[in-house]
Amino acid sequence: MASDFEAQLRAVSLRVTRPRLAVLAALRDHAHVDTDTVIALVRAELPRVSHQAVYDVLRALTKAGLVRRIEPAGATARYESRVGDNHHHVVCRSCGAIADVDCAAGHAPCLTPSDDQGFTVDEAEVVYWGTCPDCVTGRIAR
C-alpha cells in the first residue's frame, strides 16, 4: 500500500516522506478523525514526529487534494482520505460521530442554487444532522 501512497504523492508533485506516508495510512484506516487523533496515530509509527510536522503534512495533503478537511458547524475539523466524489456526511448531535453519505437522493432543490450569482458551481456540501444508532440505543436503555 505504501507504493500506492508514493504514487499519489508523486502525482501531485509532493516529495515522498515518512510523515506523509504515515498520515495517509492513518487516514486510510481511520476516517473523520481530528488532528490530535492523526498525531497519535502517526506517533504510533513515528514516535519523534512533531505536532507541527503533522499539521504541515495535513495542510499540504489537503491543498494537493489527497485529503479532505471537513468542518461540521460547532465541531473541530476532521480529515478523511476519501476525496473526489463529492460525498456528504451525517453527524451525530450527541457524540459527534461522522459517517459518509454517498449522495443526496430525492427531490432536493437546495442542491441547485436558485441564483448562482454568476458562479460556476462544481460542488455542494451537505451535512445531515441527527442522532447515531449508538446514542439512540443508549438513551432508550436508560
N, C-alpha and C. Protein backbone atom coordinates (compact mmCIF):
# COMPACT_ATOMS: atom_id res chain seq x y z
N MET A 1 0.82 -1.20 0.00
CA MET A 1 0.00 0.00 0.00
C MET A 1 0.86 1.26 0.00
N ALA A 2 2.03 1.18 0.59
CA ALA A 2 2.91 2.35 0.62
C ALA A 2 3.24 2.82 -0.79
N SER A 3 3.39 1.88 -1.73
CA SER A 3 3.71 2.28 -3.10
C SER A 3 2.55 3.04 -3.72
N ASP A 4 1.30 2.72 -3.34
CA ASP A 4 0.15 3.49 -3.81
C ASP A 4 0.23 4.92 -3.28
N PHE A 5 0.56 5.05 -2.01
CA PHE A 5 0.70 6.38 -1.42
C PHE A 5 1.84 7.14 -2.08
N GLU A 6 2.94 6.46 -2.34
CA GLU A 6 4.07 7.10 -3.01
C GLU A 6 3.65 7.62 -4.38
N ALA A 7 2.91 6.82 -5.11
CA ALA A 7 2.44 7.24 -6.44
C ALA A 7 1.49 8.43 -6.33
N GLN A 8 0.62 8.41 -5.32
CA GLN A 8 -0.30 9.54 -5.13
C GLN A 8 0.47 10.82 -4.84
N LEU A 9 1.46 10.74 -3.99
CA LEU A 9 2.26 11.92 -3.66
C LEU A 9 3.00 12.44 -4.88
N ARG A 10 3.62 11.54 -5.61
CA ARG A 10 4.37 11.96 -6.80
C ARG A 10 3.44 12.55 -7.86
N ALA A 11 2.22 12.03 -7.97
CA ALA A 11 1.27 12.53 -8.97
C ALA A 11 0.88 13.98 -8.73
N VAL A 12 0.98 14.44 -7.48
CA VAL A 12 0.67 15.84 -7.17
C VAL A 12 1.93 16.64 -6.85
N SER A 13 3.07 16.10 -7.27
CA SER A 13 4.37 16.76 -7.13
C SER A 13 4.77 17.03 -5.68
N LEU A 14 4.42 16.10 -4.79
CA LEU A 14 4.88 16.18 -3.40
C LEU A 14 5.95 15.13 -3.18
N ARG A 15 6.97 15.51 -2.41
CA ARG A 15 8.02 14.55 -2.07
C ARG A 15 7.44 13.45 -1.20
N VAL A 16 7.98 12.26 -1.36
CA VAL A 16 7.58 11.12 -0.53
C VAL A 16 8.39 11.19 0.76
N THR A 17 7.69 11.38 1.89
CA THR A 17 8.36 11.41 3.19
C THR A 17 7.64 10.45 4.13
N ARG A 18 8.34 10.02 5.14
CA ARG A 18 7.73 9.10 6.12
C ARG A 18 6.52 9.72 6.81
N PRO A 19 6.57 10.98 7.24
CA PRO A 19 5.37 11.57 7.85
C PRO A 19 4.17 11.63 6.89
N ARG A 20 4.40 11.95 5.64
CA ARG A 20 3.29 11.98 4.67
C ARG A 20 2.71 10.60 4.47
N LEU A 21 3.57 9.59 4.36
CA LEU A 21 3.07 8.22 4.22
C LEU A 21 2.30 7.79 5.45
N ALA A 22 2.79 8.16 6.63
CA ALA A 22 2.13 7.78 7.88
C ALA A 22 0.76 8.45 8.01
N VAL A 23 0.66 9.72 7.62
CA VAL A 23 -0.63 10.41 7.68
C VAL A 23 -1.62 9.78 6.71
N LEU A 24 -1.18 9.51 5.49
CA LEU A 24 -2.07 8.87 4.52
C LEU A 24 -2.55 7.51 5.02
N ALA A 25 -1.67 6.73 5.62
CA ALA A 25 -2.06 5.43 6.17
C ALA A 25 -3.05 5.59 7.32
N ALA A 26 -2.80 6.55 8.19
CA ALA A 26 -3.71 6.79 9.32
C ALA A 26 -5.10 7.16 8.82
N LEU A 27 -5.18 8.01 7.81
CA LEU A 27 -6.48 8.43 7.30
C LEU A 27 -7.15 7.34 6.47
N ARG A 28 -6.38 6.49 5.86
CA ARG A 28 -6.96 5.34 5.16
C ARG A 28 -7.68 4.43 6.16
N ASP A 29 -7.07 4.25 7.32
CA ASP A 29 -7.60 3.31 8.31
C ASP A 29 -8.58 3.94 9.29
N HIS A 30 -8.62 5.27 9.37
CA HIS A 30 -9.46 5.96 10.35
C HIS A 30 -10.06 7.21 9.72
N ALA A 31 -11.27 7.10 9.22
CA ALA A 31 -11.92 8.24 8.56
C ALA A 31 -12.48 9.21 9.60
N HIS A 32 -12.54 10.46 9.23
CA HIS A 32 -13.19 11.51 10.02
C HIS A 32 -12.53 11.73 11.38
N VAL A 33 -11.21 11.75 11.40
CA VAL A 33 -10.50 11.95 12.66
C VAL A 33 -9.98 13.38 12.76
N ASP A 34 -9.87 13.85 14.00
CA ASP A 34 -9.35 15.20 14.23
C ASP A 34 -7.82 15.18 14.23
N THR A 35 -7.24 16.36 14.31
CA THR A 35 -5.79 16.49 14.23
C THR A 35 -5.09 15.74 15.36
N ASP A 36 -5.61 15.85 16.58
CA ASP A 36 -4.97 15.16 17.71
C ASP A 36 -4.94 13.65 17.50
N THR A 37 -6.00 13.11 16.93
CA THR A 37 -6.04 11.66 16.66
C THR A 37 -5.04 11.31 15.57
N VAL A 38 -4.94 12.14 14.54
CA VAL A 38 -3.95 11.89 13.48
C VAL A 38 -2.55 11.90 14.08
N ILE A 39 -2.28 12.87 14.94
CA ILE A 39 -0.95 12.94 15.57
C ILE A 39 -0.67 11.67 16.36
N ALA A 40 -1.63 11.21 17.15
CA ALA A 40 -1.44 9.98 17.94
C ALA A 40 -1.21 8.77 17.05
N LEU A 41 -1.97 8.67 15.97
CA LEU A 41 -1.81 7.53 15.05
C LEU A 41 -0.45 7.56 14.37
N VAL A 42 -0.02 8.74 13.94
CA VAL A 42 1.28 8.86 13.28
C VAL A 42 2.41 8.58 14.27
N ARG A 43 2.26 9.08 15.49
CA ARG A 43 3.31 8.85 16.50
C ARG A 43 3.42 7.38 16.90
N ALA A 44 2.40 6.60 16.71
CA ALA A 44 2.50 5.17 16.97
C ALA A 44 3.51 4.53 16.01
N GLU A 45 3.63 5.11 14.83
CA GLU A 45 4.58 4.62 13.84
C GLU A 45 5.89 5.40 13.85
N LEU A 46 5.78 6.70 14.06
CA LEU A 46 6.95 7.60 14.05
C LEU A 46 6.95 8.40 15.35
N PRO A 47 7.47 7.84 16.44
CA PRO A 47 7.35 8.47 17.76
C PRO A 47 7.93 9.88 17.86
N ARG A 48 8.89 10.22 17.03
CA ARG A 48 9.56 11.53 17.15
C ARG A 48 8.95 12.62 16.27
N VAL A 49 7.91 12.31 15.54
CA VAL A 49 7.33 13.33 14.67
C VAL A 49 6.69 14.42 15.53
N SER A 50 6.85 15.66 15.11
CA SER A 50 6.33 16.79 15.89
C SER A 50 4.88 17.09 15.51
N HIS A 51 4.21 17.79 16.41
CA HIS A 51 2.86 18.25 16.12
C HIS A 51 2.87 19.09 14.85
N GLN A 52 3.83 20.00 14.78
CA GLN A 52 3.89 20.91 13.64
C GLN A 52 4.09 20.16 12.33
N ALA A 53 4.88 19.09 12.35
CA ALA A 53 5.09 18.31 11.13
C ALA A 53 3.77 17.71 10.65
N VAL A 54 2.98 17.19 11.58
CA VAL A 54 1.70 16.60 11.19
C VAL A 54 0.75 17.68 10.67
N TYR A 55 0.71 18.83 11.34
CA TYR A 55 -0.11 19.95 10.84
C TYR A 55 0.31 20.33 9.43
N ASP A 56 1.62 20.42 9.20
CA ASP A 56 2.14 20.80 7.88
C ASP A 56 1.76 19.75 6.83
N VAL A 57 1.88 18.48 7.19
CA VAL A 57 1.52 17.40 6.25
C VAL A 57 0.03 17.46 5.93
N LEU A 58 -0.81 17.62 6.94
CA LEU A 58 -2.26 17.71 6.69
C LEU A 58 -2.59 18.88 5.76
N ARG A 59 -1.94 20.00 6.00
CA ARG A 59 -2.17 21.19 5.15
C ARG A 59 -1.74 20.90 3.72
N ALA A 60 -0.56 20.32 3.54
CA ALA A 60 -0.05 20.04 2.19
C ALA A 60 -0.92 19.02 1.46
N LEU A 61 -1.32 17.97 2.17
CA LEU A 61 -2.15 16.92 1.55
C LEU A 61 -3.53 17.45 1.19
N THR A 62 -4.07 18.33 2.05
CA THR A 62 -5.37 18.93 1.76
C THR A 62 -5.27 19.84 0.54
N LYS A 63 -4.25 20.67 0.53
CA LYS A 63 -4.05 21.59 -0.60
C LYS A 63 -3.87 20.83 -1.91
N ALA A 64 -3.20 19.69 -1.84
CA ALA A 64 -2.94 18.88 -3.04
C ALA A 64 -4.15 18.04 -3.45
N GLY A 65 -5.18 18.01 -2.60
CA GLY A 65 -6.38 17.25 -2.94
C GLY A 65 -6.33 15.78 -2.59
N LEU A 66 -5.32 15.36 -1.82
CA LEU A 66 -5.23 13.95 -1.41
C LEU A 66 -6.02 13.67 -0.13
N VAL A 67 -6.33 14.72 0.59
CA VAL A 67 -7.04 14.63 1.86
C VAL A 67 -8.13 15.70 1.85
N ARG A 68 -9.23 15.39 2.49
CA ARG A 68 -10.32 16.36 2.60
C ARG A 68 -10.49 16.76 4.06
N ARG A 69 -10.58 18.05 4.28
CA ARG A 69 -10.84 18.60 5.62
C ARG A 69 -12.32 18.93 5.68
N ILE A 70 -12.99 18.40 6.68
CA ILE A 70 -14.40 18.71 6.86
C ILE A 70 -14.58 19.41 8.19
N GLU A 71 -15.46 20.38 8.22
CA GLU A 71 -15.67 21.18 9.42
C GLU A 71 -17.16 21.34 9.70
N PRO A 72 -17.79 20.32 10.29
CA PRO A 72 -19.20 20.48 10.64
C PRO A 72 -19.35 21.63 11.64
N ALA A 73 -20.42 22.38 11.53
CA ALA A 73 -20.65 23.54 12.40
C ALA A 73 -20.52 23.15 13.87
N GLY A 74 -19.72 23.91 14.60
CA GLY A 74 -19.57 23.69 16.03
C GLY A 74 -18.67 22.52 16.40
N ALA A 75 -18.04 21.90 15.44
CA ALA A 75 -17.17 20.75 15.70
C ALA A 75 -15.74 21.07 15.27
N THR A 76 -14.79 20.32 15.80
CA THR A 76 -13.41 20.50 15.37
C THR A 76 -13.25 19.95 13.96
N ALA A 77 -12.28 20.45 13.26
CA ALA A 77 -12.01 19.98 11.90
C ALA A 77 -11.64 18.51 11.94
N ARG A 78 -12.09 17.79 10.94
CA ARG A 78 -11.79 16.37 10.79
C ARG A 78 -11.19 16.16 9.40
N TYR A 79 -10.50 15.05 9.25
CA TYR A 79 -9.85 14.75 7.98
C TYR A 79 -10.25 13.37 7.50
N GLU A 80 -10.26 13.22 6.18
CA GLU A 80 -10.53 11.92 5.58
C GLU A 80 -9.77 11.81 4.27
N SER A 81 -9.52 10.58 3.86
CA SER A 81 -8.79 10.36 2.61
C SER A 81 -9.72 10.11 1.43
N ARG A 82 -11.02 10.04 1.68
CA ARG A 82 -11.98 9.85 0.59
C ARG A 82 -12.21 11.21 -0.06
N VAL A 83 -11.70 11.36 -1.26
CA VAL A 83 -11.78 12.64 -1.97
C VAL A 83 -12.27 12.42 -3.39
N GLY A 84 -12.71 13.49 -4.02
CA GLY A 84 -13.00 13.47 -5.44
C GLY A 84 -14.36 12.94 -5.83
N ASP A 85 -15.21 12.57 -4.87
CA ASP A 85 -16.51 12.03 -5.26
C ASP A 85 -17.68 12.87 -4.75
N ASN A 86 -17.40 14.01 -4.13
CA ASN A 86 -18.43 14.93 -3.66
C ASN A 86 -19.46 14.23 -2.77
N HIS A 87 -19.00 13.32 -1.91
CA HIS A 87 -19.92 12.69 -0.97
C HIS A 87 -20.23 13.64 0.18
N HIS A 88 -21.21 13.28 0.97
CA HIS A 88 -21.67 14.13 2.05
C HIS A 88 -21.47 13.42 3.39
N HIS A 89 -21.95 14.04 4.47
CA HIS A 89 -21.75 13.47 5.80
C HIS A 89 -23.00 13.59 6.65
N VAL A 90 -23.13 12.66 7.60
CA VAL A 90 -24.16 12.72 8.62
C VAL A 90 -23.42 12.78 9.96
N VAL A 91 -23.84 13.71 10.83
CA VAL A 91 -23.15 13.97 12.09
C VAL A 91 -24.12 13.75 13.24
N CYS A 92 -23.67 13.03 14.26
CA CYS A 92 -24.47 12.82 15.46
C CYS A 92 -24.39 14.05 16.35
N ARG A 93 -25.53 14.60 16.71
CA ARG A 93 -25.59 15.77 17.59
C ARG A 93 -25.14 15.44 19.01
N SER A 94 -25.23 14.16 19.38
CA SER A 94 -24.92 13.77 20.74
C SER A 94 -23.43 13.49 20.94
N CYS A 95 -22.87 12.57 20.16
CA CYS A 95 -21.47 12.16 20.38
C CYS A 95 -20.49 12.72 19.35
N GLY A 96 -21.00 13.29 18.27
CA GLY A 96 -20.13 13.86 17.24
C GLY A 96 -19.64 12.87 16.19
N ALA A 97 -20.13 11.62 16.24
CA ALA A 97 -19.73 10.64 15.23
C ALA A 97 -20.11 11.15 13.84
N ILE A 98 -19.26 10.83 12.87
CA ILE A 98 -19.50 11.25 11.48
C ILE A 98 -19.46 10.03 10.59
N ALA A 99 -20.39 9.95 9.66
CA ALA A 99 -20.41 8.86 8.68
C ALA A 99 -20.60 9.46 7.29
N ASP A 100 -20.15 8.72 6.29
CA ASP A 100 -20.29 9.15 4.90
C ASP A 100 -21.70 8.88 4.39
N VAL A 101 -22.18 9.75 3.53
CA VAL A 101 -23.43 9.57 2.79
C VAL A 101 -23.04 9.72 1.33
N ASP A 102 -23.23 8.66 0.56
CA ASP A 102 -22.74 8.66 -0.81
C ASP A 102 -23.31 9.77 -1.68
N CYS A 103 -24.60 10.02 -1.60
CA CYS A 103 -25.15 11.11 -2.39
C CYS A 103 -26.48 11.54 -1.79
N ALA A 104 -26.90 12.71 -2.15
CA ALA A 104 -28.22 13.18 -1.75
C ALA A 104 -29.21 12.67 -2.79
N ALA A 105 -30.29 12.08 -2.32
CA ALA A 105 -31.28 11.49 -3.22
C ALA A 105 -32.63 12.18 -3.02
N GLY A 106 -33.52 11.97 -3.97
CA GLY A 106 -34.85 12.54 -3.87
C GLY A 106 -34.87 13.97 -4.36
N HIS A 107 -36.01 14.61 -4.17
CA HIS A 107 -36.18 15.99 -4.61
C HIS A 107 -35.36 16.89 -3.70
N ALA A 108 -34.41 17.56 -4.25
CA ALA A 108 -33.52 18.39 -3.43
C ALA A 108 -33.25 19.72 -4.12
N PRO A 109 -34.18 20.64 -4.07
CA PRO A 109 -33.94 21.92 -4.75
C PRO A 109 -32.78 22.70 -4.16
N CYS A 110 -32.41 22.40 -2.91
CA CYS A 110 -31.31 23.16 -2.31
C CYS A 110 -29.95 22.78 -2.89
N LEU A 111 -29.88 21.69 -3.63
CA LEU A 111 -28.59 21.31 -4.22
C LEU A 111 -28.28 22.10 -5.48
N THR A 112 -29.29 22.71 -6.06
CA THR A 112 -29.09 23.57 -7.22
C THR A 112 -29.48 24.98 -6.79
N PRO A 113 -28.53 25.89 -6.74
CA PRO A 113 -28.85 27.24 -6.26
C PRO A 113 -29.88 27.92 -7.15
N SER A 114 -30.81 28.63 -6.52
CA SER A 114 -31.81 29.37 -7.29
C SER A 114 -31.16 30.53 -8.05
N ASP A 115 -30.09 31.06 -7.52
CA ASP A 115 -29.32 32.11 -8.19
C ASP A 115 -27.86 31.89 -7.84
N ASP A 116 -27.09 31.42 -8.80
CA ASP A 116 -25.68 31.10 -8.55
C ASP A 116 -24.78 32.33 -8.56
N GLN A 117 -25.36 33.51 -8.72
CA GLN A 117 -24.61 34.78 -8.67
C GLN A 117 -23.45 34.81 -9.68
N GLY A 118 -23.59 34.04 -10.75
CA GLY A 118 -22.55 34.01 -11.78
C GLY A 118 -21.44 33.01 -11.53
N PHE A 119 -21.51 32.30 -10.40
CA PHE A 119 -20.50 31.29 -10.08
C PHE A 119 -20.71 30.05 -10.95
N THR A 120 -19.63 29.38 -11.26
CA THR A 120 -19.71 28.05 -11.86
C THR A 120 -19.62 27.08 -10.69
N VAL A 121 -20.74 26.48 -10.32
CA VAL A 121 -20.81 25.60 -9.15
C VAL A 121 -20.31 24.22 -9.55
N ASP A 122 -19.33 23.70 -8.78
CA ASP A 122 -18.79 22.38 -9.08
C ASP A 122 -18.90 21.41 -7.90
N GLU A 123 -19.44 21.89 -6.79
CA GLU A 123 -19.54 21.02 -5.62
C GLU A 123 -20.60 21.58 -4.69
N ALA A 124 -21.32 20.68 -4.04
CA ALA A 124 -22.27 21.07 -2.99
C ALA A 124 -21.88 20.34 -1.72
N GLU A 125 -21.86 21.04 -0.60
CA GLU A 125 -21.54 20.42 0.67
C GLU A 125 -22.82 20.28 1.47
N VAL A 126 -23.17 19.04 1.76
CA VAL A 126 -24.39 18.77 2.51
C VAL A 126 -23.99 18.06 3.79
N VAL A 127 -24.51 18.54 4.92
CA VAL A 127 -24.27 17.89 6.20
C VAL A 127 -25.63 17.59 6.81
N TYR A 128 -25.88 16.32 7.06
CA TYR A 128 -27.10 15.90 7.73
C TYR A 128 -26.79 15.81 9.22
N TRP A 129 -27.72 16.22 10.05
CA TRP A 129 -27.55 16.18 11.50
C TRP A 129 -28.61 15.27 12.09
N GLY A 130 -28.25 14.51 13.10
CA GLY A 130 -29.21 13.64 13.76
C GLY A 130 -28.56 12.96 14.94
N THR A 131 -29.07 11.77 15.26
CA THR A 131 -28.54 11.00 16.38
C THR A 131 -28.15 9.63 15.86
N CYS A 132 -26.92 9.21 16.18
CA CYS A 132 -26.41 7.92 15.69
C CYS A 132 -27.11 6.76 16.41
N PRO A 133 -27.06 5.57 15.84
CA PRO A 133 -27.72 4.41 16.46
C PRO A 133 -27.21 4.12 17.87
N ASP A 134 -25.91 4.28 18.12
CA ASP A 134 -25.39 4.02 19.47
C ASP A 134 -25.99 4.97 20.49
N CYS A 135 -26.12 6.24 20.15
CA CYS A 135 -26.69 7.21 21.08
C CYS A 135 -28.19 6.99 21.26
N VAL A 136 -28.88 6.62 20.20
CA VAL A 136 -30.30 6.32 20.32
C VAL A 136 -30.49 5.14 21.26
N THR A 137 -29.71 4.09 21.08
CA THR A 137 -29.80 2.90 21.92
C THR A 137 -29.48 3.25 23.37
N GLY A 138 -28.48 4.05 23.59
CA GLY A 138 -28.09 4.47 24.93
C GLY A 138 -29.18 5.23 25.64
N ARG A 139 -29.89 6.08 24.91
CA ARG A 139 -30.99 6.85 25.51
C ARG A 139 -32.17 5.97 25.84
N ILE A 140 -32.45 5.02 24.98
CA ILE A 140 -33.61 4.13 25.19
C ILE A 140 -33.34 3.21 26.37
N ALA A 141 -32.09 2.80 26.53
CA ALA A 141 -31.74 1.83 27.58
C ALA A 141 -31.77 2.43 28.97
N ARG A 142 -31.75 3.73 29.10
CA ARG A 142 -31.70 4.39 30.42
C ARG A 142 -32.98 4.25 31.18
